[in-house]
């Protein structure tokens, strides 16, 4: 499986409760997208993950969710279509309460 690579996913706040862990390592196909990774989290851990993190039609992040790949916001990259080549650290932050 040369095409499989490992990425580390760190989740915060409410997502931590849904997944039950603060950090997981997942194997994905090289070139998988952030969207695919979020959907995989739903399959492996809890279907609520993509429901919460992606917008209703699955074309973008839900409002106020932030995803970083190696510390860079996907909004500065290719959004949820940002490709993963292996070894990345993906951090997913739900909206933070307060004003």
Protein backbone atom coordinates (compact mmCIF):
# COMPACT_ATOMS: atom_id res chain seq x y z
CA UNK A 1 0.00 0.00 0.00
CA UNK A 2 2.52 2.57 -1.16
CA UNK A 3 -0.26 5.10 -1.65
CA UNK A 4 -1.25 5.05 2.02
CA UNK A 5 0.24 7.75 4.22
CA UNK A 6 -0.26 8.69 7.85
CA UNK A 7 -1.57 12.01 9.09
CA UNK A 8 -2.05 13.17 12.66
CA UNK A 9 -5.36 14.82 13.50
CA UNK A 10 -5.72 16.97 16.60
CA UNK A 11 -9.21 17.98 17.65
CA UNK A 12 -10.28 20.54 20.20
CA UNK A 13 -13.18 21.43 22.51
CA UNK A 14 -16.52 19.85 21.54
CA UNK A 15 -14.94 17.67 18.83
CA UNK A 16 -12.76 16.06 21.48
CA UNK A 17 -15.88 14.92 23.30
CA UNK A 18 -17.44 13.55 20.09
CA UNK A 19 -14.33 11.61 19.06
CA UNK A 20 -13.28 10.69 22.59
CA UNK A 21 -9.60 11.47 21.97
CA UNK A 22 -7.60 14.63 21.53
CA UNK A 23 -5.34 13.28 18.82
CA UNK A 24 -5.57 10.39 16.36
CA UNK A 25 -3.32 9.03 13.64
CA UNK A 26 -5.11 8.01 10.47
CA UNK A 27 -3.96 6.33 7.28
CA UNK A 28 -5.24 7.97 4.13
CA UNK A 29 -4.44 7.68 0.46
CA UNK A 30 -1.74 10.10 -0.67
CA UNK A 31 -3.52 13.09 -2.21
CA UNK A 32 -6.65 12.68 -0.09
CA UNK A 33 -8.30 15.97 0.75
CA UNK A 34 -9.05 17.61 4.07
CA UNK A 35 -12.73 16.99 3.26
CA UNK A 36 -12.02 13.27 2.81
CA UNK A 37 -10.16 13.23 6.12
CA UNK A 38 -13.13 14.84 7.91
CA UNK A 39 -15.47 12.26 6.35
CA UNK A 40 -13.10 9.47 7.44
CA UNK A 41 -13.25 10.78 11.02
CA UNK A 42 -17.02 10.43 10.74
CA UNK A 43 -16.75 6.83 9.54
CA UNK A 44 -14.19 5.76 12.13
CA UNK A 45 -15.36 7.67 15.19
CA UNK A 46 -18.69 9.46 15.01
CA UNK A 47 -20.93 10.52 12.11
CA UNK A 48 -21.47 13.83 13.90
CA UNK A 49 -17.95 14.95 12.92
CA UNK A 50 -18.61 15.77 9.24
CA UNK A 51 -22.11 17.01 10.12
CA UNK A 52 -20.61 19.58 12.45
CA UNK A 53 -17.37 20.46 10.64
CA UNK A 54 -18.71 20.71 7.06
CA UNK A 55 -21.48 23.00 5.87
CA UNK A 56 -24.86 21.60 4.90
CA UNK A 57 -23.97 20.68 1.31
CA UNK A 58 -20.44 19.54 2.20
CA UNK A 59 -18.73 22.11 0.00
CA UNK A 60 -16.90 24.06 2.70
CA UNK A 61 -16.28 24.27 6.42
CA UNK A 62 -19.18 25.12 8.70
CA UNK A 63 -19.22 28.69 9.87
CA UNK A 64 -16.50 29.47 12.41
CA UNK A 65 -14.77 26.08 12.13
CA UNK A 66 -11.06 26.37 11.46
CA UNK A 67 -8.78 23.70 10.06
CA UNK A 68 -5.00 24.04 10.01
CA UNK A 69 -2.61 21.84 8.06
CA UNK A 70 0.88 22.05 9.58
CA UNK A 71 -0.16 25.27 11.28
CA UNK A 72 -1.49 26.96 8.12
CA UNK A 73 -5.18 27.69 7.76
CA UNK A 74 -6.76 25.78 4.88
CA UNK A 75 -8.44 29.06 3.94
CA UNK A 76 -4.96 30.18 2.79
CA UNK A 77 -4.45 26.89 0.92
CA UNK A 78 -7.13 25.11 -1.13
CA UNK A 79 -9.82 25.03 1.54
CA UNK A 80 -11.29 21.59 2.21
CA UNK A 81 -9.82 20.43 -1.12
CA UNK A 82 -6.29 20.88 0.30
CA UNK A 83 -4.42 17.66 -0.47
CA UNK A 84 -2.57 15.59 2.11
CA UNK A 85 0.73 14.01 1.09
CA UNK A 86 1.56 12.30 4.37
CA UNK A 87 3.10 13.36 7.66
CA UNK A 88 0.86 16.38 8.06
CA UNK A 89 -0.61 17.51 11.33
CA UNK A 90 -4.23 18.58 10.82
CA UNK A 91 -5.83 20.58 13.62
CA UNK A 92 -9.59 21.09 13.74
CA UNK A 93 -11.00 23.87 15.92
CA UNK A 94 -14.72 24.27 16.53
CA UNK A 95 -16.22 27.72 17.06
CA UNK A 96 -15.13 29.26 20.35
CA UNK A 97 -17.85 30.77 22.50
CA UNK A 98 -17.74 34.25 23.93
CA UNK A 99 -17.46 37.64 22.35
